[in-house]
């Protein structure tokens, strides 16, 4: 979610998470969420998230630069590399316009 005042919130949850009854204050993964502000550089086709806080303390205060490609009703963002316990990943998200 990006608003017109430069604030953003990002929530991504795995569709196959276990359907258990658990403490609601403890996320059942996979899940990542963060919020903060954002800037757009149209000439470079980038979107930069300035993360205030996240479900992962490793992202608190992070700057997450995303390359943006818009094609028809599809928006693809490719993020800067992230180090994980399984090695480095490059997050790529594909978004489709709601009908």
PDB file of N, CA and C in Angstrom:
ATOM      1  N   UNK A   1       0.847  -1.153   0.000  1.00  0.00           N
ATOM      2  CA  UNK A   1       0.000   0.000   0.000  1.00  0.00           C
ATOM      3  C   UNK A   1       0.903   1.229   0.000  1.00  0.00           C
ATOM      4  N   UNK A   2       0.676   2.091  -0.960  1.00  0.00           N
ATOM      5  CA  UNK A   2       1.402   3.354  -1.052  1.00  0.00           C
ATOM      6  C   UNK A   2       0.358   4.467  -1.030  1.00  0.00           C
ATOM      7  N   UNK A   3       0.540   5.467  -0.165  1.00  0.00           N
ATOM      8  CA  UNK A   3      -0.440   6.555  -0.167  1.00  0.00           C
ATOM      9  C   UNK A   3       0.165   7.809  -0.773  1.00  0.00           C
ATOM     10  N   UNK A   4      -0.670   8.789  -1.021  1.00  0.00           N
ATOM     11  CA  UNK A   4      -0.244  10.000  -1.715  1.00  0.00           C
ATOM     12  C   UNK A   4       0.641  10.909  -0.871  1.00  0.00           C
ATOM     13  N   UNK A   5       0.778  10.624   0.435  1.00  0.00           N
ATOM     14  CA  UNK A   5       1.625  11.456   1.299  1.00  0.00           C
ATOM     15  C   UNK A   5       3.028  10.881   1.472  1.00  0.00           C
ATOM     16  N   UNK A   6       3.331   9.755   0.773  1.00  0.00           N
ATOM     17  CA  UNK A   6       4.664   9.168   0.853  1.00  0.00           C
ATOM     18  C   UNK A   6       4.825   8.110   1.922  1.00  0.00           C
ATOM     19  N   UNK A   7       3.719   7.604   2.454  1.00  0.00           N
ATOM     20  CA  UNK A   7       3.780   6.527   3.449  1.00  0.00           C
ATOM     21  C   UNK A   7       3.439   5.198   2.787  1.00  0.00           C
ATOM     22  N   UNK A   8       4.035   4.133   3.305  1.00  0.00           N
ATOM     23  CA  UNK A   8       3.795   2.814   2.737  1.00  0.00           C
ATOM     24  C   UNK A   8       3.684   1.767   3.830  1.00  0.00           C
ATOM     25  N   UNK A   9       2.998   0.656   3.455  1.00  0.00           N
ATOM     26  CA  UNK A   9       2.922  -0.536   4.290  1.00  0.00           C
ATOM     27  C   UNK A   9       2.978  -1.729   3.351  1.00  0.00           C
ATOM     28  N   UNK A  10       3.728  -2.743   3.736  1.00  0.00           N
ATOM     29  CA  UNK A  10       3.932  -3.932   2.909  1.00  0.00           C
ATOM     30  C   UNK A  10       3.663  -5.158   3.762  1.00  0.00           C
ATOM     31  N   UNK A  11       2.777  -6.031   3.293  1.00  0.00           N
ATOM     32  CA  UNK A  11       2.430  -7.262   4.012  1.00  0.00           C
ATOM     33  C   UNK A  11       2.451  -8.406   3.011  1.00  0.00           C
ATOM     34  N   UNK A  12       3.232  -9.423   3.295  1.00  0.00           N
ATOM     35  CA  UNK A  12       3.308 -10.582   2.415  1.00  0.00           C
ATOM     36  C   UNK A  12       3.290 -11.838   3.273  1.00  0.00           C
ATOM     37  N   UNK A  13       2.252 -12.668   3.071  1.00  0.00           N
ATOM     38  CA  UNK A  13       2.103 -13.893   3.860  1.00  0.00           C
ATOM     39  C   UNK A  13       2.001 -15.077   2.924  1.00  0.00           C
ATOM     40  N   UNK A  14       2.655 -16.177   3.287  1.00  0.00           N
ATOM     41  CA  UNK A  14       2.583 -17.397   2.492  1.00  0.00           C
ATOM     42  C   UNK A  14       1.172 -17.950   2.476  1.00  0.00           C
ATOM     43  N   UNK A  15       0.725 -18.394   1.316  1.00  0.00           N
ATOM     44  CA  UNK A  15      -0.649 -18.910   1.215  1.00  0.00           C
ATOM     45  C   UNK A  15      -0.817 -20.269   1.879  1.00  0.00           C
ATOM     46  N   UNK A  16       0.256 -20.999   2.102  1.00  0.00           N
ATOM     47  CA  UNK A  16       0.172 -22.344   2.671  1.00  0.00           C
ATOM     48  C   UNK A  16       0.583 -22.392   4.136  1.00  0.00           C
ATOM     49  N   UNK A  17       0.373 -21.292   4.862  1.00  0.00           N
ATOM     50  CA  UNK A  17       0.713 -21.291   6.286  1.00  0.00           C
ATOM     51  C   UNK A  17      -0.160 -22.275   7.042  1.00  0.00           C
ATOM     52  N   UNK A  18       0.351 -22.881   8.108  1.00  0.00           N
ATOM     53  CA  UNK A  18      -0.462 -23.815   8.904  1.00  0.00           C
ATOM     54  C   UNK A  18      -1.689 -23.114   9.484  1.00  0.00           C
ATOM     55  N   UNK A  19      -2.796 -23.818   9.512  1.00  0.00           N
ATOM     56  CA  UNK A  19      -4.061 -23.277  10.034  1.00  0.00           C
ATOM     57  C   UNK A  19      -4.222 -23.673  11.496  1.00  0.00           C
ATOM     58  N   UNK A  20      -3.294 -23.243  12.333  1.00  0.00           N
ATOM     59  CA  UNK A  20      -3.340 -23.596  13.746  1.00  0.00           C
ATOM     60  C   UNK A  20      -3.840 -22.425  14.564  1.00  0.00           C
ATOM     61  N   UNK A  21      -4.378 -22.725  15.728  1.00  0.00           N
ATOM     62  CA  UNK A  21      -4.764 -21.683  16.668  1.00  0.00           C
ATOM     63  C   UNK A  21      -3.520 -21.384  17.492  1.00  0.00           C
ATOM     64  N   UNK A  22      -3.092 -20.150  17.418  1.00  0.00           N
ATOM     65  CA  UNK A  22      -1.843 -19.777  18.078  1.00  0.00           C
ATOM     66  C   UNK A  22      -1.993 -18.411  18.737  1.00  0.00           C
ATOM     67  N   UNK A  23      -0.972 -18.027  19.435  1.00  0.00           N
ATOM     68  CA  UNK A  23      -0.919 -16.702  20.039  1.00  0.00           C
ATOM     69  C   UNK A  23      -0.907 -15.669  18.905  1.00  0.00           C
ATOM     70  N   UNK A  24      -1.885 -14.775  18.818  1.00  0.00           N
ATOM     71  CA  UNK A  24      -1.941 -13.820  17.704  1.00  0.00           C
ATOM     72  C   UNK A  24      -0.778 -12.840  17.670  1.00  0.00           C
ATOM     73  N   UNK A  25      -0.010 -12.743  18.742  1.00  0.00           N
ATOM     74  CA  UNK A  25       1.133 -11.830  18.733  1.00  0.00           C
ATOM     75  C   UNK A  25       2.390 -12.493  18.166  1.00  0.00           C
ATOM     76  N   UNK A  26       2.299 -13.781  17.830  1.00  0.00           N
ATOM     77  CA  UNK A  26       3.443 -14.500  17.254  1.00  0.00           C
ATOM     78  C   UNK A  26       3.070 -14.927  15.839  1.00  0.00           C
ATOM     79  N   UNK A  27       3.698 -14.319  14.814  1.00  0.00           N
ATOM     80  CA  UNK A  27       3.359 -14.677  13.435  1.00  0.00           C
ATOM     81  C   UNK A  27       3.687 -16.137  13.131  1.00  0.00           C
ATOM     82  N   UNK A  28       2.857 -16.739  12.283  1.00  0.00           N
ATOM     83  CA  UNK A  28       3.125 -18.078  11.779  1.00  0.00           C
ATOM     84  C   UNK A  28       3.583 -17.888  10.342  1.00  0.00           C
ATOM     85  N   UNK A  29       4.817 -18.253  10.074  1.00  0.00           N
ATOM     86  CA  UNK A  29       5.451 -17.953   8.788  1.00  0.00           C
ATOM     87  C   UNK A  29       5.047 -18.883   7.677  1.00  0.00           C
ATOM     88  N   UNK A  30       5.471 -18.573   6.455  1.00  0.00           N
ATOM     89  CA  UNK A  30       6.307 -17.420   6.148  1.00  0.00           C
ATOM     90  C   UNK A  30       5.490 -16.128   6.097  1.00  0.00           C
ATOM     91  N   UNK A  31       6.080 -15.064   6.662  1.00  0.00           N
ATOM     92  CA  UNK A  31       5.434 -13.761   6.660  1.00  0.00           C
ATOM     93  C   UNK A  31       6.501 -12.675   6.769  1.00  0.00           C
ATOM     94  N   UNK A  32       6.292 -11.586   6.051  1.00  0.00           N
ATOM     95  CA  UNK A  32       7.122 -10.393   6.219  1.00  0.00           C
ATOM     96  C   UNK A  32       6.187  -9.192   6.076  1.00  0.00           C
ATOM     97  N   UNK A  33       6.358  -8.245   6.946  1.00  0.00           N
ATOM     98  CA  UNK A  33       5.573  -7.017   6.883  1.00  0.00           C
ATOM     99  C   UNK A  33       6.447  -5.873   7.379  1.00  0.00           C
ATOM    100  N   UNK A  34       6.272  -4.706   6.761  1.00  0.00           N
ATOM    101  CA  UNK A  34       6.974  -3.522   7.241  1.00  0.00           C
ATOM    102  C   UNK A  34       6.226  -2.266   6.819  1.00  0.00           C
ATOM    103  N   UNK A  35       6.584  -1.156   7.466  1.00  0.00           N
ATOM    104  CA  UNK A  35       5.957   0.117   7.133  1.00  0.00           C
ATOM    105  C   UNK A  35       6.986   1.224   7.256  1.00  0.00           C
ATOM    106  N   UNK A  36       6.671   2.356   6.636  1.00  0.00           N
ATOM    107  CA  UNK A  36       7.574   3.509   6.671  1.00  0.00           C
ATOM    108  C   UNK A  36       7.165   4.508   5.609  1.00  0.00           C
ATOM    109  N   UNK A  37       8.154   5.041   4.908  1.00  0.00           N
ATOM    110  CA  UNK A  37       7.904   6.024   3.852  1.00  0.00           C
ATOM    111  C   UNK A  37       8.518   5.514   2.550  1.00  0.00           C
ATOM    112  N   UNK A  38       8.187   6.199   1.458  1.00  0.00           N
ATOM    113  CA  UNK A  38       8.744   5.805   0.169  1.00  0.00           C
ATOM    114  C   UNK A  38       9.014   7.023  -0.700  1.00  0.00           C
ATOM    115  N   UNK A  39       9.911   6.841  -1.666  1.00  0.00           N
ATOM    116  CA  UNK A  39      10.169   7.844  -2.688  1.00  0.00           C
ATOM    117  C   UNK A  39      10.194   7.144  -4.036  1.00  0.00           C
ATOM    118  N   UNK A  40       9.895   7.903  -5.086  1.00  0.00           N
ATOM    119  CA  UNK A  40       9.880   7.386  -6.451  1.00  0.00           C
ATOM    120  C   UNK A  40      10.888   8.164  -7.276  1.00  0.00           C
ATOM    121  N   UNK A  41      11.673   7.453  -8.073  1.00  0.00           N
ATOM    122  CA  UNK A  41      12.573   8.081  -9.049  1.00  0.00           C
ATOM    123  C   UNK A  41      12.112   7.591 -10.417  1.00  0.00           C
ATOM    124  N   UNK A  42      11.260   8.389 -11.068  1.00  0.00           N
ATOM    125  CA  UNK A  42      10.689   7.969 -12.343  1.00  0.00           C
ATOM    126  C   UNK A  42      11.749   7.779 -13.410  1.00  0.00           C
ATOM    127  N   UNK A  43      12.761   8.637 -13.440  1.00  0.00           N
ATOM    128  CA  UNK A  43      13.789   8.524 -14.475  1.00  0.00           C
ATOM    129  C   UNK A  43      14.596   7.233 -14.352  1.00  0.00           C
ATOM    130  N   UNK A  44      14.746   6.711 -13.141  1.00  0.00           N
ATOM    131  CA  UNK A  44      15.482   5.462 -12.913  1.00  0.00           C
ATOM    132  C   UNK A  44      14.547   4.256 -12.781  1.00  0.00           C
ATOM    133  N   UNK A  45      13.239   4.498 -12.848  1.00  0.00           N
ATOM    134  CA  UNK A  45      12.227   3.438 -12.664  1.00  0.00           C
ATOM    135  C   UNK A  45      12.447   2.686 -11.358  1.00  0.00           C
ATOM    136  N   UNK A  46      12.635   3.463 -10.264  1.00  0.00           N
ATOM    137  CA  UNK A  46      12.830   2.832  -8.962  1.00  0.00           C
ATOM    138  C   UNK A  46      11.853   3.393  -7.936  1.00  0.00           C
ATOM    139  N   UNK A  47      11.586   2.539  -6.965  1.00  0.00           N
ATOM    140  CA  UNK A  47      10.761   2.850  -5.809  1.00  0.00           C
ATOM    141  C   UNK A  47      11.619   2.491  -4.601  1.00  0.00           C
ATOM    142  N   UNK A  48      11.814   3.432  -3.683  1.00  0.00           N
ATOM    143  CA  UNK A  48      12.659   3.166  -2.524  1.00  0.00           C
ATOM    144  C   UNK A  48      11.822   3.239  -1.259  1.00  0.00           C
ATOM    145  N   UNK A  49      11.836   2.126  -0.505  1.00  0.00           N
ATOM    146  CA  UNK A  49      11.159   2.056   0.783  1.00  0.00           C
ATOM    147  C   UNK A  49      12.154   2.407   1.879  1.00  0.00           C
ATOM    148  N   UNK A  50      11.763   3.305   2.772  1.00  0.00           N
ATOM    149  CA  UNK A  50      12.536   3.619   3.975  1.00  0.00           C
ATOM    150  C   UNK A  50      11.771   2.992   5.135  1.00  0.00           C
ATOM    151  N   UNK A  51      12.239   1.823   5.561  1.00  0.00           N
ATOM    152  CA  UNK A  51      11.509   1.003   6.525  1.00  0.00           C
ATOM    153  C   UNK A  51      11.684   1.567   7.931  1.00  0.00           C
ATOM    154  N   UNK A  52      10.566   1.841   8.584  1.00  0.00           N
ATOM    155  CA  UNK A  52      10.591   2.289   9.970  1.00  0.00           C
ATOM    156  C   UNK A  52      10.659   1.086  10.909  1.00  0.00           C
ATOM    157  N   UNK A  53       9.759   0.108  10.683  1.00  0.00           N
ATOM    158  CA  UNK A  53       9.733  -1.081  11.534  1.00  0.00           C
ATOM    159  C   UNK A  53       9.217  -2.258  10.717  1.00  0.00           C
ATOM    160  N   UNK A  54       9.594  -3.477  11.148  1.00  0.00           N
ATOM    161  CA  UNK A  54       9.276  -4.678  10.389  1.00  0.00           C
ATOM    162  C   UNK A  54       9.034  -5.869  11.309  1.00  0.00           C
ATOM    163  N   UNK A  55       8.434  -6.931  10.748  1.00  0.00           N
ATOM    164  CA  UNK A  55       8.317  -8.181  11.489  1.00  0.00           C
ATOM    165  C   UNK A  55       9.692  -8.812  11.699  1.00  0.00           C
ATOM    166  N   UNK A  56      10.663  -8.427  10.870  1.00  0.00           N
ATOM    167  CA  UNK A  56      12.045  -8.894  11.027  1.00  0.00           C
ATOM    168  C   UNK A  56      12.901  -7.725  11.489  1.00  0.00           C
ATOM    169  N   UNK A  57      13.504  -7.807  12.677  1.00  0.00           N
ATOM    170  CA  UNK A  57      14.345  -6.713  13.143  1.00  0.00           C
ATOM    171  C   UNK A  57      15.477  -6.373  12.176  1.00  0.00           C
ATOM    172  N   UNK A  58      15.856  -7.318  11.334  1.00  0.00           N
ATOM    173  CA  UNK A  58      16.915  -7.057  10.348  1.00  0.00           C
ATOM    174  C   UNK A  58      16.508  -5.967   9.356  1.00  0.00           C
ATOM    175  N   UNK A  59      15.198  -5.745   9.168  1.00  0.00           N
ATOM    176  CA  UNK A  59      14.730  -4.722   8.231  1.00  0.00           C
ATOM    177  C   UNK A  59      14.455  -3.379   8.913  1.00  0.00           C
ATOM    178  N   UNK A  60      14.433  -3.322  10.232  1.00  0.00           N
ATOM    179  CA  UNK A  60      14.183  -2.047  10.921  1.00  0.00           C
ATOM    180  C   UNK A  60      15.222  -1.025  10.488  1.00  0.00           C
ATOM    181  N   UNK A  61      14.756   0.104   9.963  1.00  0.00           N
ATOM    182  CA  UNK A  61      15.661   1.163   9.522  1.00  0.00           C
ATOM    183  C   UNK A  61      16.287   0.926   8.163  1.00  0.00           C
ATOM    184  N   UNK A  62      15.918  -0.145   7.490  1.00  0.00           N
ATOM    185  CA  UNK A  62      16.519  -0.486   6.194  1.00  0.00           C
ATOM    186  C   UNK A  62      16.013   0.429   5.084  1.00  0.00           C
ATOM    187  N   UNK A  63      16.813   0.558   4.051  1.00  0.00           N
ATOM    188  CA  UNK A  63      16.417   1.227   2.813  1.00  0.00           C
ATOM    189  C   UNK A  63      16.339   0.130   1.756  1.00  0.00           C
ATOM    190  N   UNK A  64      15.143  -0.080   1.197  1.00  0.00           N
ATOM    191  CA  UNK A  64      14.904  -1.167   0.238  1.00  0.00           C
ATOM    192  C   UNK A  64      14.595  -0.570  -1.125  1.00  0.00           C
ATOM    193  N   UNK A  65      15.546  -0.623  -2.031  1.00  0.00           N
ATOM    194  CA  UNK A  65      15.352  -0.078  -3.380  1.00  0.00           C
ATOM    195  C   UNK A  65      14.762  -1.155  -4.287  1.00  0.00           C
ATOM    196  N   UNK A  66      13.724  -0.781  -5.019  1.00  0.00           N
ATOM    197  CA  UNK A  66      13.010  -1.688  -5.916  1.00  0.00           C
ATOM    198  C   UNK A  66      13.082  -1.159  -7.343  1.00  0.00           C
ATOM    199  N   UNK A  67      13.479  -1.997  -8.291  1.00  0.00           N
ATOM    200  CA  UNK A  67      13.370  -1.664  -9.713  1.00  0.00           C
ATOM    201  C   UNK A  67      11.932  -1.962 -10.108  1.00  0.00           C
ATOM    202  N   UNK A  68      11.295  -1.051 -10.843  1.00  0.00           N
ATOM    203  CA  UNK A  68       9.881  -1.170 -11.175  1.00  0.00           C
ATOM    204  C   UNK A  68       9.706  -1.289 -12.686  1.00  0.00           C
ATOM    205  N   UNK A  69       8.921  -2.301 -13.110  1.00  0.00           N
ATOM    206  CA  UNK A  69       8.565  -2.461 -14.518  1.00  0.00           C
ATOM    207  C   UNK A  69       7.052  -2.585 -14.593  1.00  0.00           C
ATOM    208  N   UNK A  70       6.418  -1.707 -15.377  1.00  0.00           N
ATOM    209  CA  UNK A  70       4.968  -1.726 -15.555  1.00  0.00           C
ATOM    210  C   UNK A  70       4.678  -2.168 -16.981  1.00  0.00           C
ATOM    211  N   UNK A  71       3.882  -3.234 -17.117  1.00  0.00           N
ATOM    212  CA  UNK A  71       3.529  -3.759 -18.432  1.00  0.00           C
ATOM    213  C   UNK A  71       2.043  -4.106 -18.426  1.00  0.00           C
ATOM    214  N   UNK A  72       1.233  -3.286 -19.076  1.00  0.00           N
ATOM    215  CA  UNK A  72      -0.213  -3.512 -19.071  1.00  0.00           C
ATOM    216  C   UNK A  72      -0.764  -3.441 -17.665  1.00  0.00           C
ATOM    217  N   UNK A  73      -1.417  -4.505 -17.212  1.00  0.00           N
ATOM    218  CA  UNK A  73      -1.997  -4.569 -15.870  1.00  0.00           C
ATOM    219  C   UNK A  73      -1.072  -5.228 -14.862  1.00  0.00           C
ATOM    220  N   UNK A  74       0.205  -5.421 -15.230  1.00  0.00           N
ATOM    221  CA  UNK A  74       1.152  -6.108 -14.354  1.00  0.00           C
ATOM    222  C   UNK A  74       2.286  -5.163 -13.941  1.00  0.00           C
ATOM    223  N   UNK A  75       2.554  -5.128 -12.646  1.00  0.00           N
ATOM    224  CA  UNK A  75       3.658  -4.350 -12.082  1.00  0.00           C
ATOM    225  C   UNK A  75       4.630  -5.347 -11.450  1.00  0.00           C
ATOM    226  N   UNK A  76       5.886  -5.300 -11.852  1.00  0.00           N
ATOM    227  CA  UNK A  76       6.903  -6.180 -11.285  1.00  0.00           C
ATOM    228  C   UNK A  76       7.922  -5.330 -10.547  1.00  0.00           C
ATOM    229  N   UNK A  77       8.187  -5.690  -9.290  1.00  0.00           N
ATOM    230  CA  UNK A  77       9.235  -5.025  -8.517  1.00  0.00           C
ATOM    231  C   UNK A  77      10.331  -6.041  -8.220  1.00  0.00           C
ATOM    232  N   UNK A  78      11.566  -5.625  -8.435  1.00  0.00           N
ATOM    233  CA  UNK A  78      12.728  -6.460  -8.145  1.00  0.00           C
ATOM    234  C   UNK A  78      13.564  -5.704  -7.126  1.00  0.00           C
ATOM    235  N   UNK A  79      13.693  -6.284  -5.938  1.00  0.00           N
ATOM    236  CA  UNK A  79      14.358  -5.601  -4.834  1.00  0.00           C
ATOM    237  C   UNK A  79      15.863  -5.804  -4.813  1.00  0.00           C
ATOM    238  N   UNK A  80      16.492  -5.031  -3.968  1.00  0.00           N
ATOM    239  CA  UNK A  80      17.919  -5.198  -3.740  1.00  0.00           C
ATOM    240  C   UNK A  80      18.130  -6.501  -2.970  1.00  0.00           C
ATOM    241  N   UNK A  81      19.316  -7.111  -3.088  1.00  0.00           N
ATOM    242  CA  UNK A  81      19.575  -8.405  -2.438  1.00  0.00           C
ATOM    243  C   UNK A  81      19.364  -8.362  -0.923  1.00  0.00           C
ATOM    244  N   UNK A  82      18.898  -9.499  -0.390  1.00  0.00           N
ATOM    245  CA  UNK A  82      18.656  -9.659   1.041  1.00  0.00           C
ATOM    246  C   UNK A  82      19.420 -10.896   1.501  1.00  0.00           C
ATOM    247  N   UNK A  83      20.180 -10.762   2.583  1.00  0.00           N
ATOM    248  CA  UNK A  83      20.878 -11.908   3.157  1.00  0.00           C
ATOM    249  C   UNK A  83      19.932 -12.640   4.089  1.00  0.00           C
ATOM    250  N   UNK A  84      19.797 -13.960   3.894  1.00  0.00           N
ATOM    251  CA  UNK A  84      18.958 -14.788   4.750  1.00  0.00           C
ATOM    252  C   UNK A  84      19.797 -15.942   5.295  1.00  0.00           C
ATOM    253  N   UNK A  85      19.235 -16.706   6.209  1.00  0.00           N
ATOM    254  CA  UNK A  85      19.949 -17.867   6.751  1.00  0.00           C
ATOM    255  C   UNK A  85      20.165 -18.934   5.677  1.00  0.00           C
ATOM    256  N   UNK A  86      19.387 -18.879   4.591  1.00  0.00           N
ATOM    257  CA  UNK A  86      19.542 -19.827   3.483  1.00  0.00           C
ATOM    258  C   UNK A  86      20.428 -19.280   2.369  1.00  0.00           C
ATOM    259  N   UNK A  87      20.989 -18.082   2.571  1.00  0.00           N
ATOM    260  CA  UNK A  87      21.811 -17.445   1.542  1.00  0.00           C
ATOM    261  C   UNK A  87      21.148 -16.173   1.038  1.00  0.00           C
ATOM    262  N   UNK A  88      21.781 -15.536   0.084  1.00  0.00           N
ATOM    263  CA  UNK A  88      21.271 -14.270  -0.445  1.00  0.00           C
ATOM    264  C   UNK A  88      20.147 -14.523  -1.448  1.00  0.00           C
ATOM    265  N   UNK A  89      19.100 -13.709  -1.368  1.00  0.00           N
ATOM    266  CA  UNK A  89      17.989 -13.781  -2.320  1.00  0.00           C
ATOM    267  C   UNK A  89      17.760 -12.395  -2.919  1.00  0.00           C
ATOM    268  N   UNK A  90      17.161 -12.367  -4.093  1.00  0.00           N
ATOM    269  CA  UNK A  90      16.732 -11.121  -4.726  1.00  0.00           C
ATOM    270  C   UNK A  90      15.212 -11.202  -4.830  1.00  0.00           C
ATOM    271  N   UNK A  91      14.496 -10.473  -3.954  1.00  0.00           N
ATOM    272  CA  UNK A  91      13.035 -10.573  -3.951  1.00  0.00           C
ATOM    273  C   UNK A  91      12.418  -9.955  -5.198  1.00  0.00           C
ATOM    274  N   UNK A  92      11.549 -10.721  -5.840  1.00  0.00           N
ATOM    275  CA  UNK A  92      10.817 -10.258  -7.012  1.00  0.00           C
ATOM    276  C   UNK A  92       9.342 -10.478  -6.752  1.00  0.00           C
ATOM    277  N   UNK A  93       8.557  -9.420  -6.889  1.00  0.00           N
ATOM    278  CA  UNK A  93       7.112  -9.500  -6.653  1.00  0.00           C
ATOM    279  C   UNK A  93       6.376  -9.046  -7.908  1.00  0.00           C
ATOM    280  N   UNK A  94       5.349  -9.795  -8.267  1.00  0.00           N
ATOM    281  CA  UNK A  94       4.524  -9.456  -9.408  1.00  0.00           C
ATOM    282  C   UNK A  94       3.130  -9.103  -8.904  1.00  0.00           C
ATOM    283  N   UNK A  95       2.666  -7.933  -9.292  1.00  0.00           N
ATOM    284  CA  UNK A  95       1.366  -7.435  -8.844  1.00  0.00           C
ATOM    285  C   UNK A  95       0.465  -7.291 -10.061  1.00  0.00           C
ATOM    286  N   UNK A  96      -0.805  -7.659  -9.910  1.00  0.00           N
ATOM    287  CA  UNK A  96      -1.776  -7.508 -10.989  1.00  0.00           C
ATOM    288  C   UNK A  96      -2.854  -6.540 -10.551  1.00  0.00           C
ATOM    289  N   UNK A  97      -3.256  -5.683 -11.485  1.00  0.00           N
ATOM    290  CA  UNK A  97      -4.296  -4.691 -11.195  1.00  0.00           C
ATOM    291  C   UNK A  97      -5.592  -5.396 -10.828  1.00  0.00           C
ATOM    292  N   UNK A  98      -6.224  -4.930  -9.756  1.00  0.00           N
ATOM    293  CA  UNK A  98      -7.506  -5.498  -9.326  1.00  0.00           C
ATOM    294  C   UNK A  98      -8.592  -5.113 -10.322  1.00  0.00           C
ATOM    295  N   UNK A  99      -9.529  -6.006 -10.517  1.00  0.00           N
ATOM    296  CA  UNK A  99     -10.640  -5.726 -11.467  1.00  0.00           C
ATOM    297  C   UNK A  99     -11.880  -5.358 -10.711  1.00  0.00           C
TER     298      UNK A  99
END
